[in-house]
Protein backbone atom coordinates (compact mmCIF):
# COMPACT_ATOMS: atom_id res chain seq x y z
CA MET A 1 1.68 48.84 1.56
CA LEU A 2 5.34 48.85 2.89
CA ASP A 3 6.49 46.27 5.22
CA ILE A 4 7.45 47.94 8.63
CA LYS A 5 10.65 47.04 9.87
CA THR A 6 12.12 47.58 13.42
CA LEU A 7 14.89 49.45 13.99
CA LEU A 8 16.74 50.12 17.16
CA ILE A 9 19.38 52.69 17.42
CA ILE A 10 21.80 52.47 20.68
CA ASP A 11 23.93 56.01 21.23
CA ASP A 12 24.29 57.87 23.96
CA CYS A 13 24.23 61.21 21.55
CA ALA A 14 20.39 62.31 21.36
CA ALA A 15 21.32 64.65 18.55
CA ASP A 16 22.67 61.99 16.14
CA ARG A 17 19.82 59.91 17.23
CA LYS A 18 17.22 62.48 16.07
CA ILE A 19 19.41 62.91 12.63
CA TYR A 20 19.27 59.26 12.30
CA ARG A 21 15.46 58.93 13.03
CA ARG A 22 14.74 62.03 10.67
CA TYR A 23 16.67 60.35 7.94
CA LEU A 24 15.20 56.92 7.99
CA LEU A 25 11.76 58.01 8.22
CA LYS A 26 11.93 59.79 5.22
CA ASP A 27 12.89 56.73 3.34
CA PRO A 28 10.43 56.28 0.47
CA HIS A 29 11.19 52.74 0.03
CA GLN A 30 11.20 51.62 3.57
CA SER A 31 9.07 52.11 6.75
CA TYR A 32 10.56 51.50 10.12
CA GLN A 33 9.48 51.69 14.03
CA ILE A 34 12.48 53.10 15.61
CA PHE A 35 13.53 52.44 18.95
CA GLU A 36 16.21 54.50 21.13
CA ALA A 37 18.57 53.71 23.99
CA ASP A 38 21.49 55.85 24.87
CA CYS A 39 23.47 53.23 26.90
CA ALA A 40 24.55 49.67 26.38
CA GLU A 41 22.52 48.30 29.48
CA GLU A 42 19.36 50.15 28.32
CA GLY A 43 20.05 48.83 24.77
CA LEU A 44 20.90 45.19 25.70
CA ALA A 45 17.45 45.34 27.84
CA LEU A 46 15.49 46.56 24.32
CA CYS A 47 17.09 43.62 22.68
CA LYS A 48 15.53 41.04 24.85
CA LYS A 49 12.07 42.94 24.36
CA ILE A 50 11.63 43.54 20.85
CA ARG A 51 12.15 41.84 17.53
CA ARG A 52 14.75 43.54 15.85
CA ASP A 53 15.19 43.68 12.02
CA ALA A 54 18.43 45.83 12.11
CA ILE A 55 20.38 47.78 14.55
CA LEU A 56 22.34 51.01 14.62
CA LEU A 57 25.17 50.43 17.21
CA ASP A 58 27.63 53.57 18.34
CA PHE A 59 31.06 52.30 18.94
CA CYS A 60 31.69 54.61 21.85
CA LEU A 61 29.14 54.40 24.88
CA PRO A 62 29.31 55.38 28.46
CA ASP A 63 29.02 52.31 30.13
CA MET A 64 30.94 49.90 27.54
CA SER A 65 32.19 49.61 23.89
CA GLY A 66 30.25 48.72 21.49
CA LEU A 67 32.57 45.89 20.89
CA GLU A 68 31.85 44.59 24.17
CA LEU A 69 28.23 45.27 23.38
CA PHE A 70 28.15 43.25 20.41
CA ASP A 71 29.71 40.40 21.75
CA ARG A 72 27.24 40.12 24.86
CA MET A 73 24.60 40.30 22.07
CA GLN A 74 26.05 37.40 20.25
CA GLN A 75 26.27 35.62 23.93
CA GLU A 76 22.85 36.39 25.30
CA ILE A 77 20.52 36.86 22.79
CA PHE A 78 21.33 36.27 19.23
CA LYS A 79 20.17 32.83 17.95
CA THR A 80 19.78 34.01 14.37
CA SER A 81 21.69 36.61 12.52
CA VAL A 82 20.34 40.44 13.10
CA PRO A 83 21.91 43.00 11.14
CA VAL A 84 24.27 45.40 13.14
CA ILE A 85 25.90 48.15 11.41
CA MET A 86 28.57 49.80 13.64
CA LEU A 87 28.74 53.98 13.93
CA THR A 88 32.03 55.12 14.33
CA GLY A 89 34.15 58.06 14.53
CA ARG A 90 36.90 58.92 12.48
CA GLY A 91 40.08 56.73 13.49
CA ASP A 92 37.91 53.83 14.49
CA GLU A 93 37.52 52.04 11.05
CA GLU A 94 40.11 49.36 12.11
CA ILE A 95 37.93 48.64 15.32
CA ALA A 96 34.81 48.34 13.39
CA VAL A 97 36.36 45.99 10.86
CA GLN A 98 37.09 43.65 13.70
CA VAL A 99 33.25 43.89 14.86
CA MET A 100 32.38 43.07 10.97
CA LYS A 101 34.63 39.98 11.32
CA ARG A 102 32.69 38.87 14.04
CA GLY A 103 29.54 39.11 12.56
CA ALA A 104 28.31 43.01 11.89
CA LEU A 105 27.10 43.46 8.48
CA ASP A 106 28.70 47.01 8.15
CA TYR A 107 29.88 50.23 9.52
CA LEU A 108 29.59 53.99 9.02
CA VAL A 109 31.88 57.04 9.81
CA LYS A 110 29.26 59.58 11.64
CA HIS A 111 30.76 62.55 10.07
CA ASN A 112 30.16 60.75 6.56
CA VAL A 113 26.60 60.01 7.19
CA THR A 114 24.27 61.28 4.78
CA GLN A 115 20.18 60.62 4.18
CA ASP A 116 20.98 58.96 1.30
CA VAL A 117 23.80 56.96 2.73
CA LEU A 118 22.01 56.12 5.83
CA GLN A 119 19.04 54.56 3.99
CA LEU A 120 21.05 52.75 1.30
CA ALA A 121 22.99 51.21 4.25
CA VAL A 122 20.36 49.98 6.36
CA ARG A 123 18.15 49.11 3.64
CA ASN A 124 20.88 46.76 2.24
CA ALA A 125 21.82 45.52 5.79
CA ILE A 126 18.41 44.11 5.80
CA LYS A 127 18.22 42.51 2.91
CA GLN A 128 21.52 40.93 2.83
CA SER A 129 20.23 39.66 6.51
CA CYS A 130 16.91 38.11 5.13
CA LEU A 131 18.68 36.51 2.43
CA GLN A 132 21.05 35.08 4.51
CA ALA A 133 18.69 33.88 7.11
CA GLN A 134 16.39 32.50 4.24
CA LEU A 135 19.65 30.62 3.16
CA ASN A 136 20.29 29.48 6.30
CA LYS A 137 16.71 28.40 6.62
CA THR A 138 16.52 26.73 3.37
CA GLN A 139 19.91 24.85 4.10
CA GLU A 140 18.69 23.35 7.53
CA ARG A 141 15.20 22.54 6.18
CA GLN A 142 17.39 20.57 3.08
CA ARG A 143 19.46 18.77 5.80
CA LEU A 144 15.85 17.74 8.10
CA ILE A 145 14.46 16.42 4.87
CA ALA A 146 17.49 14.80 3.81
CA THR A 147 17.78 13.13 7.26
CA THR A 148 14.34 12.38 7.49
CA ALA A 149 14.54 10.61 3.91
CA LEU A 150 17.45 8.49 4.87
CA ARG A 151 15.64 7.13 7.82
CA ILE A 152 12.47 6.70 5.59
CA ARG A 153 14.11 4.69 3.12
CA GLN A 154 16.52 2.69 5.04
CA SER A 155 14.14 -0.20 5.27
CA LEU A 156 12.33 -1.91 2.27
CA ASN A 157 9.31 -3.09 4.86
CA LEU A 158 6.44 -1.44 3.92
CA GLU A 159 4.68 -0.99 7.54
CA GLN A 160 8.23 0.07 9.10
CA ILE A 161 8.64 2.66 6.41
CA LEU A 162 5.33 4.01 7.18
CA ASN A 163 5.88 4.15 10.94
CA THR A 164 9.03 5.59 10.74
CA ALA A 165 7.84 8.30 8.27
CA VAL A 166 5.40 9.35 10.55
CA ALA A 167 7.50 9.50 13.88
CA GLU A 168 9.94 11.61 11.53
CA VAL A 169 7.81 14.19 10.25
CA GLN A 170 5.83 14.69 13.46
CA GLN A 171 9.70 15.73 14.54
CA LEU A 172 10.29 18.04 11.80
CA LEU A 173 7.45 19.40 11.76
CA LYS A 174 6.99 19.69 15.83
CA CYS A 175 3.14 18.95 15.59
CA ASP A 176 0.76 16.64 17.67
CA ARG A 177 0.04 13.99 15.50
CA VAL A 178 1.24 12.92 11.77
CA ILE A 179 -0.76 10.28 9.79
CA VAL A 180 -0.57 8.26 6.47
CA TYR A 181 -4.03 7.81 4.92
CA GLN A 182 -4.40 4.87 2.21
CA PHE A 183 -6.97 4.93 -0.55
CA ALA A 184 -8.15 1.47 -0.87
CA PRO A 185 -9.45 0.49 -4.89
CA ASP A 186 -13.32 -0.11 -3.62
CA THR A 187 -13.63 1.49 -0.39
CA ASP A 188 -12.87 5.22 1.11
CA GLY A 189 -9.45 3.52 2.56
CA LYS A 190 -7.88 3.35 6.11
CA ILE A 191 -5.32 4.89 8.65
CA VAL A 192 -2.09 2.69 7.88
CA ALA A 193 0.05 4.55 10.22
CA SER A 194 -0.19 6.73 12.95
CA SER A 195 2.50 8.64 14.90
CA VAL A 196 0.33 8.53 18.21
CA GLU A 197 -0.94 5.04 18.90
CA SER A 198 -4.23 6.25 20.64
CA PHE A 199 -5.20 7.61 17.60
CA ARG A 200 -8.42 6.32 16.20
CA THR A 201 -9.10 4.86 12.89
CA VAL A 202 -11.82 7.09 11.05
CA ALA A 203 -13.16 7.23 7.59
CA LEU A 204 -11.19 10.24 6.30
CA CYS A 205 -13.26 10.94 3.14
CA ASP A 206 -15.59 10.19 0.59
CA ARG A 207 -13.63 9.11 -2.23
CA VAL A 208 -16.56 9.46 -4.80
CA GLY A 209 -15.28 9.96 -8.26
CA ALA A 210 -11.60 10.67 -6.97
CA GLU A 211 -10.00 8.65 -9.46
CA GLU A 212 -12.12 9.88 -12.27
CA LYS A 213 -11.70 13.54 -11.42
CA ALA A 214 -8.03 13.07 -10.74
CA GLU A 215 -8.03 11.57 -14.92
CA GLU A 216 -9.62 15.03 -15.80
CA GLN A 217 -7.36 17.09 -13.99
CA GLY A 218 -4.45 15.30 -15.05
CA ALA A 219 -0.96 17.89 -15.28
CA GLY A 220 -3.28 20.83 -14.34
CA SER A 221 -3.23 19.90 -10.90
CA ARG A 222 0.70 19.12 -10.66
CA GLY A 223 3.45 21.32 -9.27
CA LYS A 224 0.42 22.99 -6.61
CA VAL A 225 1.48 23.02 -3.07
CA PRO A 226 -1.53 21.20 -1.35
CA LEU A 227 -2.49 23.18 2.26
CA LEU A 228 -5.28 22.43 4.30
CA CYS A 229 -5.80 24.15 7.55
CA THR A 230 -8.29 24.99 10.41
CA LEU A 231 -10.76 22.64 9.55
CA PRO A 232 -14.49 23.99 9.31
CA HIS A 233 -17.61 21.79 11.06
CA THR A 234 -18.84 21.25 7.72
CA ARG A 235 -17.67 18.93 5.13
CA SER A 236 -17.62 21.83 2.68
CA PRO A 237 -14.44 22.51 0.92
CA ILE A 238 -12.68 25.54 2.59
CA SER A 239 -13.44 28.96 1.13
CA ASN A 240 -10.98 31.04 3.31
CA PRO A 241 -8.56 32.36 0.61
CA GLN A 242 -5.81 32.14 3.17
CA SER A 243 -5.75 28.33 3.52
CA PRO A 244 -6.64 26.83 -0.14
CA ILE A 245 -6.41 23.18 -0.84
CA PRO A 246 -6.03 23.35 -4.72
CA TYR A 247 -4.62 20.31 -5.22
CA ILE A 248 -6.91 18.13 -2.97
CA TYR A 249 -9.90 19.54 -4.10
CA GLU A 250 -8.78 19.45 -7.94
CA LEU A 251 -8.04 15.63 -7.70
CA GLY A 252 -11.66 15.26 -6.56
CA LEU A 253 -10.65 14.70 -2.73
CA CYS A 254 -12.71 17.95 -1.41
CA ASN A 255 -14.39 15.57 0.77
CA CYS A 256 -10.97 15.30 2.57
CA VAL A 257 -11.76 18.14 4.99
CA SER A 258 -13.39 15.70 7.41
CA ARG A 259 -15.06 17.40 10.58
CA LYS A 260 -13.27 18.71 13.32
CA GLU A 261 -14.79 16.76 15.73
CA GLN A 262 -13.67 13.61 14.22
CA PHE A 263 -9.94 14.03 14.77
CA ASN A 264 -10.35 16.38 17.70
CA THR A 265 -7.94 18.52 15.93
CA GLN A 266 -7.67 22.21 15.31
CA ALA A 267 -5.62 22.49 12.19
CA ASN A 268 -4.65 19.84 9.71
CA LEU A 269 -1.68 19.89 7.00
CA VAL A 270 -2.30 17.74 4.17
CA VAL A 271 -0.36 16.63 1.21
CA PRO A 272 -0.72 13.77 -1.45
CA ILE A 273 1.03 10.64 -1.87
CA ASN A 274 1.64 10.31 -5.59
CA LEU A 275 3.30 7.18 -7.24
CA SER A 276 4.59 7.35 -10.95
CA ASN A 277 2.35 5.51 -12.88
CA ASN A 278 4.25 3.15 -15.42
CA GLY A 279 5.25 5.93 -17.67
CA ASN A 280 2.11 7.50 -17.48
CA PRO A 281 2.35 11.56 -16.71
CA THR A 282 -0.68 11.60 -14.56
CA PRO A 283 0.47 9.97 -11.09
CA LYS A 284 -1.45 7.34 -9.00
CA LEU A 285 -2.79 8.92 -6.33
CA TRP A 286 -1.88 6.31 -3.27
CA GLY A 287 -2.85 8.42 -0.19
CA LEU A 288 -2.39 11.35 1.92
CA LEU A 289 0.49 12.54 4.53
CA ILE A 290 -1.61 14.54 7.33
CA ALA A 291 -0.20 16.65 10.02
CA HIS A 292 -2.47 17.46 13.10
CA GLN A 293 -2.14 19.92 15.58
CA ASN A 294 -4.51 20.07 18.51
CA SER A 295 -2.96 21.52 21.43
CA GLY A 296 -3.11 25.42 20.78
CA GLU A 297 -3.58 27.86 17.54
CA ARG A 298 -1.35 26.57 14.73
CA HIS A 299 -0.76 28.83 11.51
CA TRP A 300 0.84 26.74 9.16
CA GLN A 301 3.26 28.22 7.15
CA THR A 302 4.60 27.83 3.39
CA ASP A 303 7.50 26.15 4.70
CA ASP A 304 5.68 23.58 6.67
CA ALA A 305 3.53 22.64 3.53
CA GLU A 306 6.63 22.55 1.48
CA MET A 307 8.54 20.47 3.43
CA LEU A 308 5.87 17.96 4.26
CA ASN A 309 5.59 17.83 0.27
CA GLU A 310 8.98 17.03 -0.47
CA VAL A 311 8.96 14.26 2.27
CA SER A 312 5.84 12.72 0.44
CA VAL A 313 7.96 12.66 -2.25
CA GLN A 314 10.60 10.59 -0.79
CA LEU A 315 7.89 8.61 0.91
CA ALA A 316 6.13 7.76 -2.26
CA ILE A 317 9.66 6.58 -3.84
CA ALA A 318 10.23 4.55 -0.62
CA ILE A 319 6.48 2.83 -1.21
CA GLN A 320 7.31 2.42 -4.70
CA GLN A 321 10.48 0.28 -3.89
CA ALA A 322 8.82 -1.50 -0.90
CA GLU A 323 5.89 -2.58 -3.51
CA LEU A 324 8.50 -3.65 -5.99
CA LEU A 325 10.34 -5.67 -3.78
CA ALA A 326 6.93 -7.40 -2.27
CA GLN A 327 6.00 -8.19 -6.04
CA THR A 328 9.41 -9.38 -6.93
CA GLN A 329 9.35 -11.60 -3.57
CA ALA A 330 6.18 -12.98 -4.42
CA ALA A 331 6.99 -13.48 -7.99
CA LEU A 332 10.13 -15.51 -6.70
CA THR A 333 7.94 -17.30 -4.23
CA LYS A 334 5.33 -18.21 -7.07
CA GLU A 335 8.10 -19.40 -9.33
CA LYS A 336 9.59 -21.54 -6.32
CA GLN A 337 6.05 -23.24 -5.73
CA LEU A 338 5.72 -23.75 -9.26
CA ASN A 339 9.16 -25.38 -9.78
CA ALA A 340 8.28 -27.64 -6.86
CA PHE A 341 4.95 -28.28 -8.60
CA LYS A 342 6.63 -29.20 -11.82
CA SER A 343 8.99 -31.56 -9.65
CA GLN A 344 6.15 -33.24 -8.06
CA ILE A 345 4.36 -33.93 -11.03
CA ILE A 346 7.45 -35.18 -12.84
CA ALA A 347 7.80 -37.74 -9.90
CA THR A 348 4.17 -38.50 -9.80
CA VAL A 349 3.93 -39.55 -13.19
CA SER A 350 7.22 -41.39 -13.46
CA HIS A 351 6.04 -43.53 -10.25
CA GLU A 352 2.37 -43.71 -11.62
CA TYR A 353 2.93 -44.88 -14.97
CA ARG A 354 5.54 -47.51 -14.16
CA THR A 355 3.14 -49.82 -12.93
CA PRO A 356 0.39 -49.70 -15.88
CA LEU A 357 3.16 -49.44 -18.45
CA THR A 358 4.39 -52.76 -16.89
CA SER A 359 1.26 -54.27 -17.55
CA ILE A 360 0.65 -53.26 -20.84
CA LEU A 361 4.30 -54.23 -22.29
CA ALA A 362 3.59 -57.79 -20.20
CA ALA A 363 0.04 -57.91 -21.89
CA ALA A 364 1.07 -56.84 -25.38
CA SER A 365 4.01 -59.45 -25.02
CA THR A 366 2.08 -62.08 -24.22
CA LEU A 367 -0.52 -61.77 -27.13
CA GLU A 368 2.81 -61.08 -29.53
CA LYS A 369 4.58 -64.36 -28.27
CA HIS A 370 1.55 -66.58 -27.42
CA SER A 371 -1.35 -65.44 -29.52
CA GLN A 372 -1.47 -68.64 -31.44
CA GLN A 373 -1.95 -70.70 -27.97
CA LEU A 374 -4.69 -68.16 -26.51
CA ASP A 375 -7.95 -68.87 -26.96
CA GLU A 376 -10.14 -65.91 -27.37
CA SER A 377 -11.34 -65.17 -23.78
CA LYS A 378 -7.70 -64.77 -22.90
CA GLN A 379 -6.70 -62.61 -25.82
CA GLN A 380 -9.66 -60.49 -24.57
CA ARG A 381 -8.63 -60.48 -21.21
CA PHE A 382 -5.27 -59.32 -22.39
CA LEU A 383 -6.67 -56.56 -24.18
CA GLY A 384 -8.76 -55.54 -21.88
CA ILE A 385 -5.79 -54.91 -19.76
CA ILE A 386 -4.22 -53.23 -21.96
CA GLU A 387 -7.23 -50.96 -22.50
CA GLN A 388 -7.74 -50.50 -18.95
CA LYS A 389 -4.17 -49.24 -18.38
CA ALA A 390 -4.24 -47.22 -21.25
CA ARG A 391 -7.36 -45.20 -20.06
CA TYR A 392 -5.58 -44.86 -16.49
CA MET A 393 -2.47 -43.44 -18.07
CA SER A 394 -4.48 -41.14 -20.22
CA LYS A 395 -6.80 -39.87 -17.20
CA LEU A 396 -3.48 -39.32 -15.52
CA VAL A 397 -2.27 -36.87 -18.18
CA ASP A 398 -6.01 -35.19 -18.28
CA ASN A 399 -5.60 -34.72 -14.34
CA MET A 400 -1.95 -33.32 -14.69
CA LEU A 401 -2.90 -30.94 -17.41
CA LEU A 402 -5.93 -29.55 -15.51
CA VAL A 403 -4.41 -29.18 -12.12
CA ASN A 404 -1.65 -27.48 -14.16
CA GLN A 405 -3.90 -25.14 -15.51
CA PHE A 406 -5.55 -24.38 -12.25
CA GLU A 407 -2.02 -23.43 -10.75
CA LEU A 408 -1.22 -21.03 -13.53
CA GLU A 409 -4.41 -19.66 -14.46
CA LYS A 410 -8.07 -20.80 -13.93
CA PRO A 411 -9.34 -22.86 -16.81
CA LYS A 412 -12.16 -20.79 -18.67
CA PHE A 413 -15.93 -21.26 -17.52
CA LYS A 414 -18.33 -21.89 -19.98
CA PRO A 415 -21.74 -22.48 -18.35
CA ILE A 416 -25.02 -23.88 -20.44
CA LEU A 417 -28.71 -25.04 -19.57
CA LEU A 418 -28.00 -28.47 -18.22
CA ASP A 419 -30.25 -31.32 -17.87
CA LEU A 420 -29.16 -33.00 -14.62
CA LEU A 421 -30.88 -35.89 -14.53
CA GLN A 422 -30.24 -37.14 -17.91
CA PHE A 423 -26.14 -35.76 -17.58
CA PHE A 424 -25.79 -37.47 -14.27
CA SER A 425 -27.79 -40.47 -15.22
CA ASP A 426 -25.32 -41.04 -18.46
CA LEU A 427 -22.14 -40.73 -16.08
CA ILE A 428 -23.82 -43.33 -13.68
CA GLU A 429 -24.09 -45.70 -16.41
CA GLN A 430 -20.61 -45.07 -17.44
CA GLU A 431 -19.47 -45.99 -14.36
CA ARG A 432 -21.44 -48.92 -14.03
CA GLU A 433 -19.96 -50.50 -17.00
CA THR A 434 -16.63 -50.11 -15.85
CA THR A 435 -17.01 -50.62 -12.52
CA GLY A 436 -18.03 -54.48 -12.48
CA ASP A 437 -20.03 -56.30 -9.86
CA ARG A 438 -18.31 -55.45 -6.59
CA HIS A 439 -19.50 -52.33 -6.39
CA GLU A 440 -23.43 -51.23 -6.33
CA LEU A 441 -23.62 -47.65 -7.46
CA ILE A 442 -27.13 -46.07 -6.21
CA PHE A 443 -28.83 -43.15 -7.56
CA ASN A 444 -30.97 -41.18 -5.93
CA ILE A 445 -33.03 -37.53 -6.71
CA THR A 446 -35.20 -35.03 -4.78
CA GLY A 447 -36.30 -31.82 -5.37
CA HIS A 448 -36.33 -29.51 -8.37
CA ILE A 449 -33.01 -29.73 -10.44
CA GLN A 450 -34.38 -27.73 -13.50
CA ASP A 451 -32.88 -24.76 -14.49
CA PHE A 452 -29.15 -25.45 -13.74
CA TRP A 453 -26.43 -23.69 -15.62
CA GLY A 454 -23.12 -25.17 -15.45
CA ASP A 455 -19.94 -26.24 -17.45
CA ARG A 456 -20.68 -29.56 -19.01
CA GLY A 457 -16.62 -30.27 -18.70
CA LEU A 458 -15.91 -29.23 -15.21
CA LEU A 459 -19.04 -30.72 -13.72
CA GLN A 460 -17.98 -34.02 -15.31
CA GLN A 461 -14.75 -33.73 -13.75
CA ILE A 462 -16.27 -33.18 -10.25
CA PHE A 463 -17.95 -36.38 -10.81
CA ILE A 464 -15.47 -38.62 -12.16
CA ASN A 465 -13.00 -37.71 -9.56
CA LEU A 466 -15.58 -37.66 -6.70
CA MET A 467 -16.70 -41.21 -7.65
CA SER A 468 -13.66 -42.86 -8.88
CA ASN A 469 -12.08 -41.82 -5.39
CA ALA A 470 -15.07 -43.74 -3.44
CA ILE A 471 -15.02 -46.88 -5.73
CA LYS A 472 -11.16 -47.04 -5.36
CA TYR A 473 -11.08 -46.57 -1.77
CA SER A 474 -13.65 -49.08 -0.97
CA PRO A 475 -11.58 -51.71 -2.05
CA ASP A 476 -13.74 -54.54 -0.48
CA GLY A 477 -16.64 -53.40 -2.65
CA GLY A 478 -20.21 -52.43 -1.32
CA THR A 479 -22.69 -49.46 -2.22
CA VAL A 480 -21.44 -46.30 -3.31
CA GLU A 481 -24.60 -43.61 -3.27
CA PHE A 482 -24.72 -40.66 -5.35
CA HIS A 483 -27.57 -38.60 -3.97
CA LEU A 484 -28.78 -35.43 -6.29
CA ILE A 485 -30.96 -32.87 -4.45
CA GLY A 486 -32.74 -29.71 -5.81
CA LYS A 487 -33.48 -26.42 -4.13
CA GLU A 488 -34.78 -23.00 -5.12
CA SER A 489 -31.42 -21.37 -6.10
CA GLU A 490 -28.86 -24.31 -5.87
CA VAL A 491 -28.04 -27.81 -6.66
CA ILE A 492 -26.67 -30.08 -3.80
CA PHE A 493 -25.04 -33.40 -4.80
CA TYR A 494 -22.85 -35.83 -2.42
CA ILE A 495 -21.01 -39.16 -2.86
CA LYS A 496 -20.98 -41.46 -0.02
CA ASP A 497 -19.16 -44.50 0.34
CA ARG A 498 -18.21 -47.34 2.98
CA GLY A 499 -14.43 -47.73 2.12
CA ILE A 500 -11.03 -47.12 4.06
CA GLY A 501 -12.26 -43.74 5.46
CA ILE A 502 -9.69 -40.86 6.24
CA PRO A 503 -7.86 -40.26 9.60
CA ILE A 504 -8.99 -37.01 10.74
CA ARG A 505 -5.47 -35.50 10.81
CA ASP A 506 -5.29 -36.06 6.97
CA GLN A 507 -8.75 -34.24 6.21
CA GLU A 508 -7.34 -30.83 6.23
CA ASN A 509 -4.38 -30.55 3.60
CA LEU A 510 -6.80 -33.41 1.14
CA PHE A 511 -7.83 -30.54 -1.02
CA GLN A 512 -4.75 -29.97 -2.00
CA SER A 513 -2.52 -31.27 -4.97
CA PHE A 514 -0.70 -35.01 -4.35
CA SER A 515 -2.47 -34.91 -0.80
CA ARG A 516 -3.26 -38.26 0.35
CA GLY A 517 -4.82 -40.33 3.44
CA SER A 518 -1.74 -41.79 5.52
CA ASN A 519 -3.57 -45.05 5.35
CA VAL A 520 -3.88 -45.73 1.68
CA ASP A 521 -1.40 -48.55 1.86
CA THR A 522 -0.75 -49.91 -1.47
CA ILE A 523 -4.15 -48.15 -3.22
CA SER A 524 -2.47 -46.02 -6.18
CA GLY A 525 -3.34 -42.57 -6.90
CA THR A 526 -2.01 -39.30 -7.48
CA GLY A 527 -3.52 -37.56 -4.72
CA LEU A 528 -5.32 -34.89 -7.41
CA GLY A 529 -8.72 -35.69 -7.40
CA LEU A 530 -10.15 -33.82 -4.41
CA ALA A 531 -7.84 -30.71 -5.70
CA ILE A 532 -9.55 -30.80 -9.20
CA ALA A 533 -12.71 -31.00 -7.92
CA LYS A 534 -12.40 -28.29 -5.56
CA GLY A 535 -11.15 -26.21 -8.33
CA CYS A 536 -14.25 -26.83 -10.70
CA VAL A 537 -16.25 -26.51 -8.03
CA GLU A 538 -15.09 -22.74 -7.28
CA LEU A 539 -15.14 -21.93 -10.75
CA HIS A 540 -19.28 -22.81 -10.41
CA GLY A 541 -19.10 -20.17 -7.34
CA GLY A 542 -20.13 -23.31 -5.30
CA ASP A 543 -18.80 -25.05 -2.04
CA ILE A 544 -17.12 -28.70 -1.23
CA THR A 545 -16.96 -30.15 2.05
CA LEU A 546 -15.83 -33.74 3.16
CA SER A 547 -16.65 -35.65 6.00
CA SER A 548 -14.88 -39.35 7.13
CA GLU A 549 -14.40 -42.01 9.61
CA VAL A 550 -11.73 -44.58 9.40
CA GLY A 551 -13.10 -47.96 8.75
CA LYS A 552 -16.71 -46.60 7.92
CA GLY A 553 -16.20 -44.33 4.90
CA THR A 554 -16.27 -41.07 3.36
CA LYS A 555 -19.06 -38.41 1.99
CA VAL A 556 -18.26 -35.69 -0.21
CA THR A 557 -20.88 -32.73 -0.26
CA VAL A 558 -20.93 -30.31 -3.31
CA SER A 559 -23.20 -27.36 -3.23
CA LEU A 560 -23.70 -25.07 -6.63
CA PRO A 561 -25.79 -22.05 -7.18
CA LYS A 562 -27.94 -22.49 -10.13
CA ALA A 563 -27.70 -19.38 -11.67
CA PHE A 564 -24.19 -18.14 -11.98
CA PRO A 565 -23.52 -14.44 -11.13
CA MET A 566 -22.91 -12.51 -14.51
CA ASP A 567 -19.98 -10.14 -13.00
CA GLN A 568 -18.22 -13.39 -12.18
CA LEU A 569 -19.33 -15.06 -15.35
CA SER A 570 -17.51 -12.18 -17.45
CA SER A 571 -14.24 -12.44 -15.69
CA SER A 572 -13.91 -16.09 -15.16
CA SER A 573 -14.35 -16.29 -19.04
CA THR A 574 -11.71 -13.74 -20.16
């Protein structure tokens, strides 16, 4: 079926108009709907009423010249180019050329007009006009897209990029609303930007198997223009062939056709936002760019979809740049933190090593120079000092290495079935042997403590660090209690001392590395014990809390699950 073009003939000669009509209606390549006017004013009035694909304009009209009429048409009516063919008599060719310079596409001398000449001239004029209109439209579209892309990519802040994108696209498409919807790894995702603030967030799609389907479809779905129009009340893919959604559907996102009442919208235009995938030919589906129209009927055009698709490409580039910047900044921040942490380690080690090294050197020097004058008990006392300080330094190194592991990567978690009664009894006895007579260690057990799975090394770190803190910060001696409580699905233990306590203002940061209470005075320490204990507890999937009062003591409580979840176990052991 031939496309019907609308033609307007403005000529005061009825016979000529009849001839032109007859010639054109016989054109085998084009069908026409023809309107006629016998004067300039009537022609001008018809131009304002009807859509015109071409105009045959006689130069000599009773009320004004064709040149004057053409100028008025240009000023009053034509917003876009409409092909005008000037009809002239002999001797008017020079004037006709002037009209062509002003924008007319062609001219014909009446006495030379034949059927073939007229048909070809009109067809060529319409074709040339269509090509020019398409070129103008493409250039304007590219200009708008380039302007939009420039504004989108002026920022490297993701939130600002998305907000700029929805605002610019709304202006570009002249629609009611534009949103950006981002998918999440384990959920449907969420709306992350909307050109209308009052637009409420709703679940956009059920993304069941989306990523798997995307892998299956692969390159077969690339290059297609995604289009989604006139949403139905069902959640099934649109079957209307005039509004296909091949790309969205093939990606496994057919349920993106959300209910009309959810959005209160009559028509949507949807394109995916695809990010490059580290050299993988299949792009990574980041989200959707969606244009809404709910004020009146809107028939989206292919140009609309192509523009939205081109903007989505530019938006994807901007998103990727913003994410890369965020990753770089995060890496720099982490690097600064690690450098500060390493500096703190060096400062702490140099400070904490100085005192025990001095004691070791002094004891060793005394033994070397005066061993003959010292009785056995004094020699043993100096050897004990060396051993004690060496153990302290060894423990300090172990703590530094463990904290460094927590900062860089989590230590491996290797749970085994533990006999907690035997385990903690052995640790308590070891502490009693090294603590001395000034502190009394009390060990209480209640409840069911069997069937506990834990990492022996990490659990030992928790106990040693908490117990050594309790003893160290009870410089006047006294009792230190260790209570072990077994419950159905967890084990709870707490260590309680009656030492110097911790000021309330210091308690919030005590689980951070190198943090100590402001009242420790000359008591040596690195501020690593609680940080290590917390890291080990978290690897067990447990919790640690602290309560303290200055001058009355401190209580640290640890709760650990008896059975560690297998999914967390596999991720912690890798």
